[in-house]
Amino acid sequence: MMRFITLSILTVFLSLPAQAHELHSTGGFISGFNHPVLGFDHMLAMICVGILSTKLGGRAIWTVPTVFVLFMLFGGIVGLLALPIPFVEFGIAASVLLLGLALAIDRKLPQWLVMAFVATFAIFHGHAHGVEMPQLAEPALYVLGFICGTSAIHIVGVILGIAMQDKDPRNRLVRSSGGVIALVGGYLLLSV
């Protein structure tokens, strides 16, 4: 299992230039689904949300990802209405850095703080989706696709978080993964 997780993380990191909010397509569900799945920065942030929710435990396993999806929808509506949000690219890169750091620290953060961070970051991620929606032939299917893609990534993060905690009760793997993700987030911030 440890080799699988390591190989998965390396595969993800080797696809660094994929940033989905730079992709432009004219599809529906599949395009919406691919947006978070193929976007390296989106994918890392959402995996972190899933893993972080398992670190909190209890109801947070489903409430933290749900908050992300709801606020991402809000950000998507703001983007669809062409209402500007400053520093969207910076906010997305910062989300990768800060969510990685949240995994890397060896403390259980208060759930309200995690929810506030996740909600804020989700608005930036959603805005990136929403800005592209008016160009699409089937915006309702696109929205459904990016909700499903985002939810699927959160589920993968939850599964990874549970697997890592089961194999390593001291959370060294979660912390080191978070540290690597935070480094990638720092790189993304420098490249914005």
N, C-alpha and C. Protein backbone atom coordinates (compact mmCIF):
# COMPACT_ATOMS: atom_id res chain seq x y z
N MET A 1 0.82 -1.19 0.00
CA MET A 1 0.00 0.00 0.00
C MET A 1 0.87 1.25 0.00
N MET A 2 1.97 1.21 0.78
CA MET A 2 2.86 2.37 0.85
C MET A 2 3.47 2.67 -0.51
N ARG A 3 3.84 1.63 -1.25
CA ARG A 3 4.40 1.84 -2.60
C ARG A 3 3.36 2.44 -3.53
N PHE A 4 2.11 1.97 -3.42
CA PHE A 4 1.04 2.49 -4.25
C PHE A 4 0.84 3.99 -3.98
N ILE A 5 0.81 4.37 -2.71
CA ILE A 5 0.62 5.77 -2.35
C ILE A 5 1.79 6.61 -2.86
N THR A 6 3.02 6.12 -2.67
CA THR A 6 4.20 6.85 -3.13
C THR A 6 4.17 7.00 -4.64
N LEU A 7 3.86 5.92 -5.36
CA LEU A 7 3.79 5.97 -6.81
C LEU A 7 2.69 6.93 -7.27
N SER A 8 1.56 6.91 -6.59
CA SER A 8 0.46 7.82 -6.93
C SER A 8 0.86 9.27 -6.75
N ILE A 9 1.51 9.56 -5.65
CA ILE A 9 1.94 10.94 -5.38
C ILE A 9 2.98 11.38 -6.41
N LEU A 10 3.94 10.53 -6.72
CA LEU A 10 4.94 10.88 -7.73
C LEU A 10 4.31 11.10 -9.09
N THR A 11 3.35 10.27 -9.46
CA THR A 11 2.67 10.43 -10.74
C THR A 11 1.95 11.77 -10.80
N VAL A 12 1.31 12.13 -9.71
CA VAL A 12 0.62 13.42 -9.65
C VAL A 12 1.62 14.56 -9.79
N PHE A 13 2.72 14.49 -9.08
CA PHE A 13 3.69 15.58 -9.11
C PHE A 13 4.38 15.72 -10.46
N LEU A 14 4.49 14.63 -11.20
CA LEU A 14 5.12 14.70 -12.51
C LEU A 14 4.24 15.37 -13.55
N SER A 15 2.96 15.55 -13.25
CA SER A 15 2.04 16.20 -14.19
C SER A 15 1.84 17.68 -13.84
N LEU A 16 2.79 18.31 -13.21
CA LEU A 16 2.67 19.66 -12.66
C LEU A 16 2.08 20.71 -13.59
N PRO A 17 2.42 20.80 -14.86
CA PRO A 17 1.93 21.93 -15.64
C PRO A 17 0.46 21.90 -16.04
N ALA A 18 -0.33 21.00 -15.56
CA ALA A 18 -1.66 20.79 -16.09
C ALA A 18 -2.71 21.83 -15.71
N GLN A 19 -2.49 22.74 -14.83
CA GLN A 19 -3.46 23.67 -14.26
C GLN A 19 -4.74 23.83 -15.07
N ALA A 20 -5.84 23.32 -14.53
CA ALA A 20 -7.10 23.20 -15.26
C ALA A 20 -7.73 24.53 -15.61
N HIS A 21 -7.53 25.57 -14.82
CA HIS A 21 -8.21 26.82 -15.13
C HIS A 21 -7.61 27.49 -16.34
N GLU A 22 -6.60 26.87 -16.94
CA GLU A 22 -6.06 27.36 -18.20
C GLU A 22 -6.61 26.54 -19.36
N LEU A 23 -7.39 25.50 -19.07
CA LEU A 23 -7.98 24.68 -20.12
C LEU A 23 -9.24 25.35 -20.62
N HIS A 24 -9.46 25.32 -21.91
CA HIS A 24 -10.68 25.88 -22.48
C HIS A 24 -11.31 24.81 -23.36
N SER A 25 -12.55 24.48 -23.08
CA SER A 25 -13.23 23.48 -23.88
C SER A 25 -14.67 23.93 -24.06
N THR A 26 -15.37 23.25 -24.93
CA THR A 26 -16.75 23.62 -25.21
C THR A 26 -17.68 22.44 -24.99
N GLY A 27 -17.48 21.69 -23.95
CA GLY A 27 -18.30 20.51 -23.70
C GLY A 27 -19.25 20.69 -22.56
N GLY A 28 -19.72 19.57 -22.07
CA GLY A 28 -20.66 19.57 -20.97
C GLY A 28 -20.10 18.84 -19.77
N PHE A 29 -20.73 17.72 -19.42
CA PHE A 29 -20.38 16.99 -18.21
C PHE A 29 -18.91 16.58 -18.17
N ILE A 30 -18.42 15.98 -19.24
CA ILE A 30 -17.05 15.47 -19.26
C ILE A 30 -16.05 16.62 -19.09
N SER A 31 -16.29 17.74 -19.75
CA SER A 31 -15.41 18.89 -19.60
C SER A 31 -15.40 19.39 -18.16
N GLY A 32 -16.59 19.45 -17.56
CA GLY A 32 -16.68 19.88 -16.16
C GLY A 32 -16.00 18.91 -15.23
N PHE A 33 -16.17 17.61 -15.48
CA PHE A 33 -15.53 16.59 -14.65
C PHE A 33 -14.01 16.67 -14.78
N ASN A 34 -13.53 16.86 -16.00
CA ASN A 34 -12.08 16.90 -16.25
C ASN A 34 -11.41 18.14 -15.67
N HIS A 35 -12.15 19.22 -15.53
CA HIS A 35 -11.55 20.47 -15.05
C HIS A 35 -10.81 20.28 -13.72
N PRO A 36 -11.45 19.78 -12.67
CA PRO A 36 -10.70 19.58 -11.43
C PRO A 36 -9.77 18.37 -11.47
N VAL A 37 -10.16 17.34 -12.23
CA VAL A 37 -9.38 16.10 -12.24
C VAL A 37 -8.05 16.30 -12.97
N LEU A 38 -8.07 17.04 -14.07
CA LEU A 38 -6.85 17.25 -14.84
C LEU A 38 -6.05 18.47 -14.41
N GLY A 39 -6.64 19.30 -13.59
CA GLY A 39 -5.95 20.49 -13.11
C GLY A 39 -5.14 20.16 -11.87
N PHE A 40 -3.84 20.19 -12.02
CA PHE A 40 -2.94 19.77 -10.94
C PHE A 40 -3.18 20.52 -9.65
N ASP A 41 -3.29 21.84 -9.72
CA ASP A 41 -3.48 22.64 -8.51
C ASP A 41 -4.84 22.38 -7.88
N HIS A 42 -5.88 22.26 -8.71
CA HIS A 42 -7.21 21.95 -8.18
C HIS A 42 -7.19 20.57 -7.51
N MET A 43 -6.61 19.61 -8.20
CA MET A 43 -6.60 18.25 -7.69
C MET A 43 -5.86 18.16 -6.35
N LEU A 44 -4.69 18.78 -6.25
CA LEU A 44 -3.93 18.73 -4.99
C LEU A 44 -4.72 19.34 -3.84
N ALA A 45 -5.35 20.49 -4.09
CA ALA A 45 -6.12 21.14 -3.02
C ALA A 45 -7.27 20.25 -2.56
N MET A 46 -7.94 19.61 -3.50
CA MET A 46 -9.10 18.79 -3.14
C MET A 46 -8.70 17.49 -2.47
N ILE A 47 -7.57 16.92 -2.87
CA ILE A 47 -7.07 15.74 -2.16
C ILE A 47 -6.72 16.12 -0.73
N CYS A 48 -6.09 17.29 -0.56
CA CYS A 48 -5.76 17.77 0.79
C CYS A 48 -7.02 17.92 1.64
N VAL A 49 -8.08 18.45 1.04
CA VAL A 49 -9.33 18.61 1.79
C VAL A 49 -9.83 17.25 2.27
N GLY A 50 -9.78 16.24 1.41
CA GLY A 50 -10.21 14.90 1.81
C GLY A 50 -9.35 14.33 2.92
N ILE A 51 -8.03 14.44 2.77
CA ILE A 51 -7.12 13.91 3.79
C ILE A 51 -7.28 14.69 5.10
N LEU A 52 -7.39 16.00 5.00
CA LEU A 52 -7.55 16.84 6.19
C LEU A 52 -8.84 16.48 6.94
N SER A 53 -9.88 16.17 6.19
CA SER A 53 -11.14 15.81 6.85
C SER A 53 -10.99 14.51 7.65
N THR A 54 -10.17 13.57 7.15
CA THR A 54 -9.94 12.34 7.92
C THR A 54 -9.07 12.61 9.14
N LYS A 55 -8.18 13.59 9.02
CA LYS A 55 -7.34 13.96 10.16
C LYS A 55 -8.20 14.52 11.29
N LEU A 56 -9.25 15.26 10.92
CA LEU A 56 -10.17 15.79 11.93
C LEU A 56 -11.07 14.70 12.49
N GLY A 57 -11.48 13.76 11.62
CA GLY A 57 -12.30 12.63 12.04
C GLY A 57 -13.76 12.99 12.26
N GLY A 58 -14.53 12.00 12.65
CA GLY A 58 -15.96 12.19 12.94
C GLY A 58 -16.73 12.70 11.75
N ARG A 59 -17.65 13.62 12.03
CA ARG A 59 -18.48 14.20 10.97
C ARG A 59 -17.68 15.02 9.97
N ALA A 60 -16.52 15.47 10.36
CA ALA A 60 -15.70 16.30 9.46
C ALA A 60 -15.35 15.56 8.18
N ILE A 61 -15.36 14.24 8.22
CA ILE A 61 -15.03 13.45 7.03
C ILE A 61 -15.98 13.78 5.88
N TRP A 62 -17.21 14.11 6.17
CA TRP A 62 -18.12 14.48 5.10
C TRP A 62 -18.47 15.97 5.11
N THR A 63 -18.42 16.63 6.28
CA THR A 63 -18.82 18.04 6.31
C THR A 63 -17.77 18.95 5.67
N VAL A 64 -16.50 18.68 5.88
CA VAL A 64 -15.45 19.54 5.30
C VAL A 64 -15.50 19.49 3.77
N PRO A 65 -15.51 18.31 3.13
CA PRO A 65 -15.65 18.29 1.67
C PRO A 65 -16.97 18.90 1.18
N THR A 66 -18.05 18.72 1.94
CA THR A 66 -19.33 19.31 1.53
C THR A 66 -19.26 20.82 1.55
N VAL A 67 -18.62 21.39 2.56
CA VAL A 67 -18.44 22.85 2.61
C VAL A 67 -17.65 23.31 1.40
N PHE A 68 -16.61 22.57 1.03
CA PHE A 68 -15.83 22.94 -0.15
C PHE A 68 -16.73 22.98 -1.38
N VAL A 69 -17.52 21.93 -1.60
CA VAL A 69 -18.37 21.87 -2.79
C VAL A 69 -19.39 23.01 -2.79
N LEU A 70 -20.02 23.29 -1.66
CA LEU A 70 -21.02 24.35 -1.60
C LEU A 70 -20.41 25.73 -1.88
N PHE A 71 -19.27 26.01 -1.28
CA PHE A 71 -18.65 27.32 -1.51
C PHE A 71 -18.01 27.40 -2.90
N MET A 72 -17.61 26.25 -3.46
CA MET A 72 -17.12 26.23 -4.83
C MET A 72 -18.27 26.61 -5.77
N LEU A 73 -19.47 26.09 -5.50
CA LEU A 73 -20.64 26.47 -6.30
C LEU A 73 -20.90 27.97 -6.20
N PHE A 74 -20.81 28.50 -4.99
CA PHE A 74 -20.99 29.94 -4.80
C PHE A 74 -19.96 30.71 -5.64
N GLY A 75 -18.70 30.31 -5.56
CA GLY A 75 -17.66 30.96 -6.36
C GLY A 75 -17.92 30.81 -7.85
N GLY A 76 -18.44 29.65 -8.25
CA GLY A 76 -18.78 29.43 -9.65
C GLY A 76 -19.87 30.37 -10.12
N ILE A 77 -20.87 30.60 -9.28
CA ILE A 77 -21.95 31.53 -9.63
C ILE A 77 -21.40 32.94 -9.75
N VAL A 78 -20.53 33.32 -8.83
CA VAL A 78 -19.90 34.65 -8.89
C VAL A 78 -19.12 34.80 -10.20
N GLY A 79 -18.38 33.76 -10.57
CA GLY A 79 -17.64 33.79 -11.84
C GLY A 79 -18.55 33.82 -13.04
N LEU A 80 -19.62 33.05 -13.01
CA LEU A 80 -20.59 33.01 -14.10
C LEU A 80 -21.23 34.37 -14.31
N LEU A 81 -21.48 35.08 -13.22
CA LEU A 81 -22.06 36.41 -13.30
C LEU A 81 -21.03 37.48 -13.67
N ALA A 82 -19.80 37.05 -13.91
CA ALA A 82 -18.69 37.94 -14.28
C ALA A 82 -18.39 38.97 -13.20
N LEU A 83 -18.65 38.61 -11.95
CA LEU A 83 -18.27 39.47 -10.83
C LEU A 83 -16.82 39.16 -10.49
N PRO A 84 -15.98 40.16 -10.48
CA PRO A 84 -14.56 39.88 -10.26
C PRO A 84 -14.23 39.53 -8.81
N ILE A 85 -13.33 38.60 -8.66
CA ILE A 85 -12.72 38.30 -7.38
C ILE A 85 -11.23 38.51 -7.59
N PRO A 86 -10.62 39.39 -6.83
CA PRO A 86 -9.20 39.65 -7.05
C PRO A 86 -8.32 38.47 -6.66
N PHE A 87 -7.24 38.33 -7.37
CA PHE A 87 -6.18 37.37 -7.04
C PHE A 87 -6.65 35.91 -7.02
N VAL A 88 -7.48 35.52 -7.99
CA VAL A 88 -7.99 34.15 -8.03
C VAL A 88 -6.85 33.15 -8.17
N GLU A 89 -5.94 33.39 -9.10
CA GLU A 89 -4.83 32.46 -9.31
C GLU A 89 -3.96 32.38 -8.05
N PHE A 90 -3.74 33.51 -7.42
CA PHE A 90 -2.98 33.54 -6.17
C PHE A 90 -3.72 32.74 -5.09
N GLY A 91 -5.04 32.92 -5.00
CA GLY A 91 -5.84 32.20 -4.00
C GLY A 91 -5.80 30.69 -4.21
N ILE A 92 -5.81 30.27 -5.46
CA ILE A 92 -5.75 28.83 -5.75
C ILE A 92 -4.38 28.28 -5.36
N ALA A 93 -3.32 28.98 -5.74
CA ALA A 93 -1.97 28.54 -5.37
C ALA A 93 -1.79 28.55 -3.86
N ALA A 94 -2.29 29.60 -3.21
CA ALA A 94 -2.19 29.68 -1.75
C ALA A 94 -2.95 28.54 -1.08
N SER A 95 -4.06 28.11 -1.69
CA SER A 95 -4.82 27.01 -1.10
C SER A 95 -3.99 25.73 -1.07
N VAL A 96 -3.22 25.50 -2.14
CA VAL A 96 -2.38 24.30 -2.17
C VAL A 96 -1.31 24.40 -1.08
N LEU A 97 -0.68 25.56 -0.96
CA LEU A 97 0.35 25.76 0.06
C LEU A 97 -0.22 25.59 1.47
N LEU A 98 -1.30 26.29 1.78
CA LEU A 98 -1.82 26.29 3.14
C LEU A 98 -2.50 24.97 3.53
N LEU A 99 -3.18 24.34 2.58
CA LEU A 99 -3.77 23.03 2.89
C LEU A 99 -2.67 21.99 3.08
N GLY A 100 -1.59 22.09 2.29
CA GLY A 100 -0.44 21.20 2.50
C GLY A 100 0.17 21.42 3.87
N LEU A 101 0.30 22.68 4.27
CA LEU A 101 0.84 22.98 5.60
C LEU A 101 -0.08 22.45 6.71
N ALA A 102 -1.40 22.54 6.48
CA ALA A 102 -2.35 22.02 7.48
C ALA A 102 -2.16 20.52 7.69
N LEU A 103 -1.78 19.82 6.62
CA LEU A 103 -1.49 18.39 6.77
C LEU A 103 -0.13 18.15 7.41
N ALA A 104 0.81 19.04 7.12
CA ALA A 104 2.19 18.85 7.58
C ALA A 104 2.36 19.10 9.07
N ILE A 105 1.56 19.98 9.64
CA ILE A 105 1.73 20.26 11.07
C ILE A 105 1.19 19.10 11.89
N ASP A 106 1.80 18.91 13.00
CA ASP A 106 1.44 17.75 13.84
C ASP A 106 0.45 18.15 14.92
N ARG A 107 -0.59 18.87 14.52
CA ARG A 107 -1.62 19.25 15.48
C ARG A 107 -2.98 19.14 14.81
N LYS A 108 -3.96 18.83 15.62
CA LYS A 108 -5.32 18.79 15.11
C LYS A 108 -5.88 20.21 15.16
N LEU A 109 -6.19 20.75 14.00
CA LEU A 109 -6.70 22.11 13.91
C LEU A 109 -8.18 22.13 14.29
N PRO A 110 -8.67 23.25 14.82
CA PRO A 110 -10.09 23.34 15.14
C PRO A 110 -10.93 23.21 13.86
N GLN A 111 -12.02 22.49 13.97
CA GLN A 111 -12.84 22.25 12.78
C GLN A 111 -13.37 23.55 12.18
N TRP A 112 -13.73 24.52 12.99
CA TRP A 112 -14.26 25.79 12.47
C TRP A 112 -13.20 26.50 11.63
N LEU A 113 -11.94 26.40 12.03
CA LEU A 113 -10.86 27.05 11.28
C LEU A 113 -10.65 26.36 9.93
N VAL A 114 -10.65 25.03 9.95
CA VAL A 114 -10.52 24.27 8.71
C VAL A 114 -11.68 24.60 7.77
N MET A 115 -12.90 24.65 8.31
CA MET A 115 -14.08 24.97 7.49
C MET A 115 -13.95 26.37 6.88
N ALA A 116 -13.45 27.32 7.66
CA ALA A 116 -13.29 28.68 7.14
C ALA A 116 -12.25 28.72 6.02
N PHE A 117 -11.12 28.05 6.22
CA PHE A 117 -10.10 27.98 5.17
C PHE A 117 -10.65 27.32 3.92
N VAL A 118 -11.28 26.17 4.11
CA VAL A 118 -11.80 25.40 2.98
C VAL A 118 -12.84 26.22 2.21
N ALA A 119 -13.73 26.90 2.93
CA ALA A 119 -14.75 27.72 2.27
C ALA A 119 -14.12 28.83 1.45
N THR A 120 -13.13 29.50 2.03
CA THR A 120 -12.45 30.60 1.33
C THR A 120 -11.75 30.09 0.08
N PHE A 121 -11.01 29.01 0.21
CA PHE A 121 -10.28 28.46 -0.93
C PHE A 121 -11.24 27.98 -2.01
N ALA A 122 -12.35 27.40 -1.61
CA ALA A 122 -13.32 26.87 -2.57
C ALA A 122 -13.90 27.98 -3.43
N ILE A 123 -14.06 29.16 -2.88
CA ILE A 123 -14.58 30.29 -3.67
C ILE A 123 -13.62 30.59 -4.83
N PHE A 124 -12.33 30.59 -4.56
CA PHE A 124 -11.35 30.83 -5.63
C PHE A 124 -11.42 29.73 -6.69
N HIS A 125 -11.46 28.48 -6.23
CA HIS A 125 -11.52 27.36 -7.17
C HIS A 125 -12.82 27.42 -7.99
N GLY A 126 -13.93 27.72 -7.34
CA GLY A 126 -15.21 27.82 -8.04
C GLY A 126 -15.24 28.96 -9.03
N HIS A 127 -14.64 30.08 -8.67
CA HIS A 127 -14.61 31.23 -9.57
C HIS A 127 -13.90 30.87 -10.86
N ALA A 128 -12.81 30.12 -10.74
CA ALA A 128 -12.08 29.69 -11.94
C ALA A 128 -12.98 28.84 -12.84
N HIS A 129 -13.82 28.01 -12.24
CA HIS A 129 -14.77 27.21 -13.02
C HIS A 129 -15.84 28.12 -13.64
N GLY A 130 -16.38 29.00 -12.83
CA GLY A 130 -17.50 29.84 -13.27
C GLY A 130 -17.16 30.79 -14.38
N VAL A 131 -15.97 31.33 -14.37
CA VAL A 131 -15.56 32.26 -15.42
C VAL A 131 -15.60 31.58 -16.78
N GLU A 132 -15.32 30.29 -16.84
CA GLU A 132 -15.31 29.57 -18.11
C GLU A 132 -16.69 29.09 -18.53
N MET A 133 -17.64 29.02 -17.62
CA MET A 133 -18.95 28.45 -17.96
C MET A 133 -19.70 29.17 -19.08
N PRO A 134 -19.70 30.51 -19.16
CA PRO A 134 -20.48 31.14 -20.24
C PRO A 134 -20.02 30.73 -21.64
N GLN A 135 -18.80 30.28 -21.78
CA GLN A 135 -18.27 29.89 -23.08
C GLN A 135 -18.74 28.49 -23.48
N LEU A 136 -19.36 27.78 -22.60
CA LEU A 136 -19.67 26.38 -22.82
C LEU A 136 -21.04 26.20 -23.46
N ALA A 137 -21.16 25.14 -24.24
CA ALA A 137 -22.42 24.83 -24.90
C ALA A 137 -23.47 24.32 -23.91
N GLU A 138 -23.04 23.61 -22.87
CA GLU A 138 -23.97 23.00 -21.91
C GLU A 138 -23.53 23.32 -20.48
N PRO A 139 -23.78 24.54 -20.02
CA PRO A 139 -23.28 24.94 -18.69
C PRO A 139 -23.85 24.11 -17.54
N ALA A 140 -25.11 23.69 -17.60
CA ALA A 140 -25.68 22.91 -16.49
C ALA A 140 -24.96 21.57 -16.36
N LEU A 141 -24.67 20.94 -17.49
CA LEU A 141 -23.93 19.67 -17.44
C LEU A 141 -22.49 19.88 -16.99
N TYR A 142 -21.91 21.01 -17.38
CA TYR A 142 -20.55 21.33 -16.95
C TYR A 142 -20.51 21.46 -15.42
N VAL A 143 -21.48 22.18 -14.86
CA VAL A 143 -21.55 22.35 -13.40
C VAL A 143 -21.68 20.99 -12.72
N LEU A 144 -22.57 20.16 -13.22
CA LEU A 144 -22.74 18.82 -12.65
C LEU A 144 -21.43 18.03 -12.75
N GLY A 145 -20.73 18.18 -13.87
CA GLY A 145 -19.45 17.49 -14.05
C GLY A 145 -18.40 17.96 -13.07
N PHE A 146 -18.26 19.29 -12.87
CA PHE A 146 -17.21 19.71 -11.94
C PHE A 146 -17.57 19.43 -10.50
N ILE A 147 -18.86 19.35 -10.18
CA ILE A 147 -19.25 18.92 -8.83
C ILE A 147 -18.88 17.45 -8.63
N CYS A 148 -19.19 16.62 -9.63
CA CYS A 148 -18.87 15.19 -9.53
C CYS A 148 -17.36 14.96 -9.51
N GLY A 149 -16.61 15.68 -10.35
CA GLY A 149 -15.15 15.55 -10.36
C GLY A 149 -14.54 15.96 -9.04
N THR A 150 -15.01 17.07 -8.50
CA THR A 150 -14.53 17.55 -7.21
C THR A 150 -14.85 16.55 -6.11
N SER A 151 -16.08 16.06 -6.10
CA SER A 151 -16.48 15.10 -5.08
C SER A 151 -15.67 13.81 -5.17
N ALA A 152 -15.41 13.37 -6.40
CA ALA A 152 -14.60 12.16 -6.59
C ALA A 152 -13.19 12.35 -6.03
N ILE A 153 -12.61 13.51 -6.26
CA ILE A 153 -11.27 13.77 -5.73
C ILE A 153 -11.29 13.83 -4.20
N HIS A 154 -12.34 14.43 -3.64
CA HIS A 154 -12.46 14.45 -2.17
C HIS A 154 -12.53 13.02 -1.63
N ILE A 155 -13.29 12.17 -2.29
CA ILE A 155 -13.41 10.77 -1.85
C ILE A 155 -12.06 10.08 -1.92
N VAL A 156 -11.30 10.33 -2.99
CA VAL A 156 -9.95 9.76 -3.09
C VAL A 156 -9.10 10.25 -1.93
N GLY A 157 -9.20 11.54 -1.61
CA GLY A 157 -8.45 12.09 -0.48
C GLY A 157 -8.83 11.45 0.84
N VAL A 158 -10.12 11.22 1.04
CA VAL A 158 -10.59 10.56 2.28
C VAL A 158 -10.02 9.14 2.35
N ILE A 159 -10.10 8.42 1.23
CA ILE A 159 -9.58 7.05 1.20
C ILE A 159 -8.08 7.04 1.47
N LEU A 160 -7.34 7.97 0.84
CA LEU A 160 -5.89 8.06 1.11
C LEU A 160 -5.62 8.41 2.57
N GLY A 161 -6.39 9.35 3.11
CA GLY A 161 -6.20 9.74 4.50
C GLY A 161 -6.43 8.59 5.46
N ILE A 162 -7.50 7.84 5.23
CA ILE A 162 -7.79 6.68 6.09
C ILE A 162 -6.69 5.64 5.94
N ALA A 163 -6.28 5.37 4.69
CA ALA A 163 -5.23 4.36 4.46
C ALA A 163 -3.91 4.78 5.12
N MET A 164 -3.56 6.05 5.00
CA MET A 164 -2.30 6.50 5.60
C MET A 164 -2.36 6.45 7.12
N GLN A 165 -3.49 6.80 7.71
CA GLN A 165 -3.61 6.75 9.16
C GLN A 165 -3.61 5.33 9.68
N ASP A 166 -4.21 4.41 8.91
CA ASP A 166 -4.21 3.00 9.32
C ASP A 166 -2.80 2.42 9.28
N LYS A 167 -2.03 2.78 8.27
CA LYS A 167 -0.67 2.23 8.11
C LYS A 167 0.34 2.93 9.01
N ASP A 168 0.06 4.18 9.36
CA ASP A 168 1.03 4.98 10.10
C ASP A 168 0.31 5.81 11.16
N PRO A 169 0.03 5.23 12.33
CA PRO A 169 -0.71 5.96 13.37
C PRO A 169 -0.03 7.24 13.83
N ARG A 170 1.25 7.38 13.61
CA ARG A 170 1.95 8.60 14.02
C ARG A 170 1.83 9.71 12.96
N ASN A 171 1.16 9.41 11.87
CA ASN A 171 0.88 10.38 10.81
C ASN A 171 2.12 10.94 10.11
N ARG A 172 3.21 10.19 10.12
CA ARG A 172 4.41 10.67 9.42
C ARG A 172 4.16 10.80 7.93
N LEU A 173 3.42 9.85 7.36
CA LEU A 173 3.15 9.88 5.92
C LEU A 173 2.24 11.05 5.56
N VAL A 174 1.23 11.30 6.37
CA VAL A 174 0.34 12.44 6.14
C VAL A 174 1.14 13.74 6.24
N ARG A 175 1.97 13.84 7.27
CA ARG A 175 2.76 15.06 7.46
C ARG A 175 3.75 15.26 6.33
N SER A 176 4.45 14.21 5.92
CA SER A 176 5.43 14.37 4.85
C SER A 176 4.74 14.66 3.52
N SER A 177 3.59 14.02 3.26
CA SER A 177 2.83 14.33 2.04
C SER A 177 2.39 15.79 2.05
N GLY A 178 1.91 16.24 3.19
CA GLY A 178 1.52 17.64 3.32
C GLY A 178 2.68 18.58 3.09
N GLY A 179 3.86 18.21 3.59
CA GLY A 179 5.05 19.04 3.37
C GLY A 179 5.40 19.14 1.90
N VAL A 180 5.33 18.04 1.20
CA VAL A 180 5.62 18.05 -0.25
C VAL A 180 4.58 18.88 -0.99
N ILE A 181 3.32 18.70 -0.63
CA ILE A 181 2.25 19.48 -1.27
C ILE A 181 2.43 20.97 -0.99
N ALA A 182 2.82 21.31 0.23
CA ALA A 182 3.07 22.72 0.57
C ALA A 182 4.22 23.28 -0.28
N LEU A 183 5.26 22.48 -0.50
CA LEU A 183 6.36 22.94 -1.36
C LEU A 183 5.87 23.19 -2.79
N VAL A 184 5.03 22.30 -3.28
CA VAL A 184 4.46 22.50 -4.62
C VAL A 184 3.61 23.77 -4.62
N GLY A 185 2.83 23.99 -3.56
CA GLY A 185 2.04 25.22 -3.45
C GLY A 185 2.92 26.46 -3.44
N GLY A 186 4.05 26.38 -2.76
CA GLY A 186 4.99 27.51 -2.77
C GLY A 186 5.52 27.78 -4.17
N TYR A 187 5.82 26.70 -4.89
CA TYR A 187 6.28 26.84 -6.29
C TYR A 187 5.18 27.49 -7.14
N LEU A 188 3.93 27.02 -6.95
CA LEU A 188 2.82 27.59 -7.71
C LEU A 188 2.64 29.08 -7.41
N LEU A 189 2.81 29.45 -6.14
CA LEU A 189 2.71 30.87 -5.77
C LEU A 189 3.77 31.70 -6.47
N LEU A 190 4.97 31.16 -6.55
CA LEU A 190 6.05 31.89 -7.21
C LEU A 190 5.82 32.02 -8.71
N SER A 191 5.06 31.10 -9.30
CA SER A 191 4.84 31.13 -10.73
C SER A 191 3.57 31.87 -11.12
N VAL A 192 2.83 32.42 -10.13
CA VAL A 192 1.60 33.18 -10.46
C VAL A 192 1.98 34.55 -10.97
